[in-house]
Protein backbone atom coordinates (compact mmCIF):
# COMPACT_ATOMS: atom_id res chain seq x y z
CA MET A 1 -2.17 -21.31 -18.84
CA MET A 2 -1.96 -18.74 -16.04
CA LYS A 3 -3.16 -15.20 -16.71
CA LYS A 4 -0.56 -12.43 -16.76
CA LEU A 5 -0.40 -9.66 -14.16
CA LEU A 6 2.21 -6.90 -13.91
CA VAL A 7 3.26 -5.41 -10.57
CA ILE A 8 5.10 -2.10 -10.25
CA CYS A 9 6.22 -1.49 -6.67
CA GLY A 10 8.80 0.29 -4.56
CA PRO A 11 9.08 3.20 -2.15
CA THR A 12 7.24 6.49 -2.43
CA ALA A 13 8.44 9.17 -4.87
CA THR A 14 10.08 6.83 -7.40
CA GLY A 15 7.65 7.46 -10.28
CA LYS A 16 5.60 4.26 -10.09
CA THR A 17 2.31 5.79 -11.28
CA GLY A 18 3.86 7.47 -14.32
CA LEU A 19 5.54 4.23 -15.36
CA ALA A 20 2.32 2.25 -14.86
CA LEU A 21 0.34 4.64 -17.06
CA GLU A 22 3.01 4.52 -19.76
CA LEU A 23 3.10 0.72 -19.78
CA ALA A 24 -0.69 0.55 -19.76
CA ARG A 25 -0.74 2.55 -22.99
CA LYS A 26 1.88 0.34 -24.63
CA PHE A 27 0.56 -3.03 -23.47
CA ASP A 28 -3.20 -2.49 -23.53
CA GLY A 29 -3.53 -2.42 -19.77
CA GLU A 30 -5.58 -0.99 -16.95
CA VAL A 31 -4.14 0.10 -13.61
CA LEU A 32 -5.09 -0.99 -10.10
CA SER A 33 -3.71 1.20 -7.31
CA ALA A 34 -2.24 -0.58 -4.30
CA ASP A 35 -1.92 2.38 -1.96
CA SER A 36 -3.60 2.28 1.44
CA ARG A 37 -3.77 6.09 1.60
CA GLN A 38 -5.40 6.66 -1.77
CA VAL A 39 -8.55 4.65 -1.07
CA TYR A 40 -10.13 7.68 0.66
CA LYS A 41 -12.32 10.14 -1.24
CA GLY A 42 -11.34 13.80 -0.95
CA MET A 43 -7.81 13.01 0.24
CA ASP A 44 -6.17 13.74 -3.10
CA ILE A 45 -3.30 16.15 -2.54
CA GLY A 46 -1.86 14.73 0.67
CA THR A 47 -1.86 11.17 -0.67
CA GLY A 48 -0.43 12.09 -4.08
CA LYS A 49 -3.12 10.65 -6.34
CA ASP A 50 -1.64 12.30 -9.45
CA LEU A 51 -5.17 12.93 -10.73
CA GLY A 52 -4.01 15.33 -13.43
CA GLU A 53 -1.53 12.83 -14.83
CA ILE A 54 -4.14 10.06 -14.73
CA GLU A 55 -6.79 12.15 -16.48
CA LYS A 56 -4.32 13.25 -19.15
CA SER A 57 -3.27 9.65 -19.81
CA GLY A 58 -6.80 8.44 -20.51
CA ILE A 59 -5.97 5.18 -18.68
CA LYS A 60 -8.54 3.70 -16.33
CA VAL A 61 -7.20 3.55 -12.77
CA TRP A 62 -9.01 1.45 -10.17
CA GLY A 63 -8.55 1.21 -6.40
CA VAL A 64 -8.73 4.93 -5.54
CA ASP A 65 -11.63 6.81 -3.89
CA LEU A 66 -13.19 3.62 -2.52
CA VAL A 67 -14.56 4.95 0.79
CA PHE A 68 -15.18 8.21 2.63
CA PRO A 69 -12.48 9.27 5.12
CA SER A 70 -14.92 8.80 7.99
CA GLU A 71 -15.17 5.08 7.16
CA LYS A 72 -12.78 2.36 8.23
CA PHE A 73 -10.99 0.35 5.58
CA SER A 74 -9.09 -2.94 5.92
CA VAL A 75 -6.77 -5.13 3.89
CA ALA A 76 -9.59 -7.65 3.53
CA GLN A 77 -11.82 -4.97 1.99
CA TYR A 78 -9.08 -3.99 -0.44
CA LEU A 79 -8.56 -7.59 -1.50
CA GLU A 80 -12.27 -8.03 -2.12
CA VAL A 81 -12.23 -5.02 -4.45
CA GLY A 82 -8.83 -5.73 -5.97
CA GLU A 83 -9.46 -9.37 -6.83
CA ARG A 84 -12.72 -8.46 -8.54
CA VAL A 85 -11.07 -5.65 -10.54
CA VAL A 86 -8.20 -7.88 -11.68
CA GLU A 87 -10.62 -10.54 -12.89
CA GLU A 88 -12.74 -7.96 -14.71
CA ILE A 89 -9.66 -6.57 -16.47
CA LEU A 90 -8.67 -10.08 -17.49
CA ASP A 91 -12.19 -10.74 -18.77
CA ARG A 92 -11.76 -7.71 -21.04
CA LYS A 93 -8.60 -9.38 -22.43
CA ARG A 94 -6.43 -6.59 -21.07
CA LEU A 95 -3.34 -6.53 -18.84
CA PRO A 96 -3.86 -5.76 -15.13
CA ILE A 97 -1.09 -3.51 -13.82
CA VAL A 98 -0.96 -3.31 -10.02
CA VAL A 99 0.99 -0.26 -8.86
CA GLY A 100 1.74 1.03 -5.38
CA GLY A 101 3.81 0.99 -2.26
CA THR A 102 1.54 -0.91 0.13
CA GLY A 103 3.24 -4.27 0.13
CA LEU A 104 0.52 -6.08 2.06
CA TYR A 105 -2.07 -5.13 -0.55
CA ILE A 106 0.13 -6.42 -3.38
CA LYS A 107 1.13 -9.65 -1.66
CA GLY A 108 -2.50 -10.29 -0.75
CA LEU A 109 -3.55 -10.02 -4.38
CA ILE A 110 -0.74 -12.24 -5.63
CA ASP A 111 -0.37 -14.86 -2.91
CA GLY A 112 -3.34 -14.41 -0.62
CA ILE A 113 -2.99 -13.44 3.04
CA SER A 114 -4.38 -15.87 5.52
CA THR A 115 -4.85 -13.38 8.36
CA THR A 116 -7.16 -11.07 6.40
CA GLN A 117 -9.87 -13.71 6.53
CA ILE A 118 -9.74 -13.90 10.33
CA LEU A 119 -12.52 -11.77 11.74
CA PRO A 120 -12.33 -9.95 15.09
CA ASN A 121 -13.28 -12.04 18.12
CA PHE A 122 -14.95 -9.41 20.29
CA ASP A 123 -15.49 -11.69 23.28
CA LEU A 124 -11.80 -12.55 23.28
CA ARG A 125 -10.86 -8.88 22.90
CA LEU A 126 -13.07 -7.91 25.81
CA ARG A 127 -11.19 -10.34 28.03
CA LEU A 128 -7.74 -9.47 26.73
CA ASN A 129 -8.27 -5.72 27.02
CA LYS A 130 -8.10 -6.13 30.79
CA LEU A 131 -4.55 -7.49 30.68
CA SER A 132 -1.26 -5.61 30.72
CA ALA A 133 1.19 -5.76 27.82
CA SER A 134 3.39 -8.23 29.70
CA ASP A 135 0.45 -10.50 30.47
CA LEU A 136 -0.64 -10.31 26.83
CA LEU A 137 2.84 -11.34 25.70
CA ALA A 138 2.67 -14.32 28.03
CA GLU A 139 -0.67 -15.30 26.50
CA LEU A 140 0.72 -14.92 22.98
CA SER A 141 3.78 -16.98 23.91
CA ARG A 142 1.45 -19.78 24.97
CA VAL A 143 -0.34 -19.93 21.60
CA ASP A 144 2.45 -18.75 19.24
CA SER A 145 5.92 -18.48 20.75
CA GLU A 146 7.55 -17.87 17.36
CA LYS A 147 5.45 -14.75 16.87
CA VAL A 148 6.68 -13.34 20.20
CA GLU A 149 10.28 -13.90 19.16
CA ALA A 150 9.67 -12.16 15.83
CA MET A 151 8.03 -9.04 17.31
CA ASN A 152 10.10 -5.87 17.59
CA GLY A 153 10.36 -3.77 20.75
CA SER A 154 7.57 -1.33 19.95
CA ASP A 155 5.13 -4.11 19.02
CA ARG A 156 5.86 -5.85 22.32
CA LYS A 157 4.61 -2.73 24.10
CA ASN A 158 1.54 -2.30 21.88
CA PRO A 159 -1.49 -4.09 23.42
CA ARG A 160 -3.57 -3.70 20.24
CA ARG A 161 -0.98 -5.47 18.09
CA ILE A 162 -0.45 -8.21 20.68
CA ILE A 163 -4.19 -8.82 20.97
CA ARG A 164 -4.52 -9.12 17.20
CA ALA A 165 -1.60 -11.55 17.13
CA ILE A 166 -3.32 -13.68 19.77
CA GLU A 167 -6.56 -13.55 17.80
CA ILE A 168 -4.79 -14.71 14.63
CA ALA A 169 -2.81 -17.43 16.42
CA ARG A 170 -5.92 -18.89 18.05
CA SER A 171 -7.75 -18.94 14.72
CA LYS A 172 -4.82 -20.61 12.97
CA ASN A 173 -4.67 -23.24 15.68
CA GLN A 174 -8.31 -23.98 14.87
CA GLY A 175 -7.39 -24.52 11.21
CA LEU A 176 -8.64 -21.18 9.85
CA GLY A 177 -6.87 -18.90 7.36
CA ILE A 178 -5.28 -21.10 4.74
CA GLN A 179 -3.01 -19.15 2.38
CA ASN A 180 -3.74 -19.38 -1.34
CA GLU A 181 -1.30 -20.16 -4.14
CA SER A 182 -0.86 -17.51 -6.80
CA LYS A 183 -3.05 -18.09 -9.84
CA TYR A 184 -1.26 -15.52 -12.02
CA ASP A 185 1.88 -15.32 -14.11
CA VAL A 186 3.30 -12.27 -12.34
CA LEU A 187 6.14 -9.97 -13.34
CA TRP A 188 7.34 -7.86 -10.42
CA VAL A 189 9.04 -4.58 -11.36
CA GLY A 190 10.60 -2.61 -8.52
CA LEU A 191 11.72 1.02 -8.72
CA LYS A 192 14.45 2.30 -6.44
CA ILE A 193 16.90 5.16 -6.10
CA GLU A 194 19.93 5.95 -3.94
CA LYS A 195 18.94 6.87 -0.38
CA GLU A 196 19.96 10.54 -0.35
CA LYS A 197 18.36 11.17 -3.73
CA LEU A 198 15.14 9.58 -2.50
CA LYS A 199 15.15 11.80 0.57
CA LYS A 200 15.46 14.85 -1.67
CA ARG A 201 12.61 13.66 -3.88
CA ILE A 202 10.39 13.12 -0.86
CA SER A 203 11.18 16.56 0.54
CA ASP A 204 10.42 18.21 -2.79
CA ARG A 205 7.17 16.30 -3.16
CA VAL A 206 5.91 17.28 0.29
CA LYS A 207 6.60 20.93 -0.49
CA GLU A 208 4.84 20.56 -3.83
CA ARG A 209 1.75 19.18 -2.11
CA LEU A 210 1.73 22.13 0.26
CA ASN A 211 1.86 24.50 -2.70
CA ASP A 212 -0.97 22.58 -4.37
CA GLY A 213 -3.33 23.36 -1.47
CA PHE A 214 -2.85 20.61 1.11
CA GLY A 215 -3.97 22.92 3.94
CA ASP A 216 -7.18 23.77 2.09
CA GLU A 217 -7.82 20.07 1.53
CA ILE A 218 -7.66 19.40 5.26
CA ASN A 219 -9.95 22.33 6.04
CA GLU A 220 -12.48 20.94 3.56
CA LEU A 221 -12.31 17.48 5.13
CA LEU A 222 -12.90 18.88 8.62
CA LYS A 223 -15.73 21.07 7.31
CA ASN A 224 -17.42 17.97 5.86
CA GLY A 225 -17.40 16.12 9.17
CA VAL A 226 -14.20 14.11 8.99
CA GLY A 227 -12.67 13.82 12.47
CA TRP A 228 -9.04 13.77 13.51
CA ASP A 229 -9.57 10.38 15.13
CA ASP A 230 -10.86 8.78 11.94
CA GLN A 231 -8.58 6.10 10.52
CA ALA A 232 -7.94 8.06 7.33
CA MET A 233 -6.60 11.07 9.21
CA GLN A 234 -3.79 9.00 10.68
CA ALA A 235 -2.11 9.10 7.27
CA LEU A 236 1.25 10.84 7.01
CA GLY A 237 0.95 14.57 6.55
CA TYR A 238 -2.56 14.75 7.91
CA ARG A 239 -1.67 13.79 11.45
CA GLN A 240 1.32 16.15 11.47
CA TRP A 241 -0.97 18.97 10.32
CA ARG A 242 -3.25 18.33 13.28
CA ASP A 243 -0.43 19.16 15.68
CA TYR A 244 0.15 22.38 13.77
CA LEU A 245 -3.51 23.43 13.65
CA GLU A 246 -3.97 22.67 17.35
CA GLY A 247 -0.96 24.78 18.24
CA ARG A 248 1.41 22.11 19.51
CA ILE A 249 4.04 22.76 16.86
CA SER A 250 4.79 25.46 14.30
CA ARG A 251 4.01 25.14 10.60
CA ASN A 252 7.70 24.65 9.77
CA GLU A 253 7.96 21.95 12.41
CA ALA A 254 4.91 20.20 10.95
CA VAL A 255 6.41 20.25 7.47
CA SER A 256 9.77 18.98 8.72
CA GLU A 257 8.12 16.18 10.67
CA TRP A 258 5.98 15.20 7.69
CA ILE A 259 9.09 14.97 5.50
CA ARG A 260 10.94 12.98 8.16
CA GLN A 261 8.09 10.51 8.58
CA GLU A 262 7.69 10.07 4.81
CA GLN A 263 11.41 9.30 4.59
CA LYS A 264 11.11 6.75 7.39
CA TYR A 265 8.11 5.23 5.62
CA ALA A 266 10.13 4.90 2.41
CA LYS A 267 12.84 3.09 4.35
CA ARG A 268 10.26 0.64 5.74
CA GLN A 269 8.90 0.10 2.23
CA MET A 270 12.37 -0.78 0.93
CA THR A 271 12.87 -3.21 3.81
CA TRP A 272 9.55 -4.88 3.02
CA PHE A 273 10.06 -5.08 -0.72
CA GLY A 274 13.72 -5.96 -0.30
CA ALA A 275 12.67 -9.28 1.21
CA GLU A 276 10.63 -10.12 -1.91
CA LYS A 277 12.96 -12.15 -4.11
CA ARG A 278 10.69 -12.09 -7.16
CA ILE A 279 11.21 -8.37 -7.81
CA SER A 280 13.39 -7.19 -10.71
CA TRP A 281 14.83 -3.84 -9.55
CA PHE A 282 15.52 -0.76 -11.67
CA ASP A 283 17.33 2.38 -10.50
CA VAL A 284 15.33 5.40 -11.72
CA SER A 285 18.41 7.61 -11.61
CA GLU A 286 20.14 5.58 -14.33
CA LYS A 287 20.01 6.53 -17.99
CA GLU A 288 17.40 4.77 -20.10
CA TRP A 289 15.91 2.96 -17.11
CA ARG A 290 12.44 3.21 -18.67
CA GLU A 291 13.66 1.53 -21.83
CA LYS A 292 15.18 -1.27 -19.74
CA VAL A 293 11.89 -1.80 -17.90
CA GLU A 294 9.94 -1.82 -21.13
CA ALA A 295 12.29 -4.40 -22.64
CA VAL A 296 11.80 -6.73 -19.67
CA VAL A 297 8.03 -6.27 -19.75
CA GLN A 298 7.96 -6.83 -23.52
CA LYS A 299 9.86 -10.10 -23.22
CA TRP A 300 7.57 -11.34 -20.45
CA TYR A 301 4.46 -10.10 -22.29
CA LYS A 302 5.43 -12.11 -25.38
CA SER A 303 6.66 -15.16 -23.47
CA SER A 304 3.65 -17.31 -24.47
CA ARG A 305 1.31 -17.53 -27.42
CA SER A 306 -1.66 -16.32 -25.42
CA LEU A 307 -1.85 -13.26 -23.15
CA ASN A 308 -4.88 -13.36 -20.85
CA GLY A 309 -6.77 -15.39 -23.41
CA LYS A 310 -5.88 -13.16 -26.38
CA GLU A 311 -3.72 -14.42 -29.21
CA ASP A 312 -0.57 -12.44 -30.02
């Protein structure tokens, strides 16, 4: 019998963490964050870790504060941590609840992602770095023409993305990177809200983070040796604040751009999750939406005699 795993996903600012903590209390669960921005230590306010809410809940939350902001972090690293955490939660006869908006992290945990196992080929990269974007596209077309057709306009002009696509295609052609089948009984719960309401929520949340001391958080990071070129500092909010601190834009412009980019990110998240047919969606603006989610989870939770090896 497959072990149960609950996923709570959707765009930013829809209340995923609060719901996850509530369900963890009711269904004897532990939470695993699936947020690519919350893996960095010391980046609490700008990434919305909800530390106060987590501490108050008393629920154990895994997957945050994994590395320092000066360190690089990949999907493969997340999966190594996440898969271990899920298995440890299951061993404790508890329910793993994966919550977040980074779709690639979630899909990797559930289905496996073949490309994360493909390591960089530095000799190949050294050769390809000498080519123009058009020449790189020609090389990619030779090894994976379908990938070229699927790439959008910006990716076609991005040498780094094209080189990685070539690297992956060549490895696949050599038989590497076989995708795994899911080994869990997964319930996908998606939270959504009407577009204009979501934009308002995002705007309010950015302003709340500013009031909570986002500027001080950045100053502390820089003081402790984190650089603007570090991977972590490319996160939304942080990179807009760099332009402000270096005098390229005003503070109001930085805030407006941060809000705009967060709203664009939410749209991309909905596009990504919208293609996942296994998700049961709930509109968080509707009355009693939490009760509806809980009813669905309860039915799934009780759908077999044994939950993660524990008798009902």
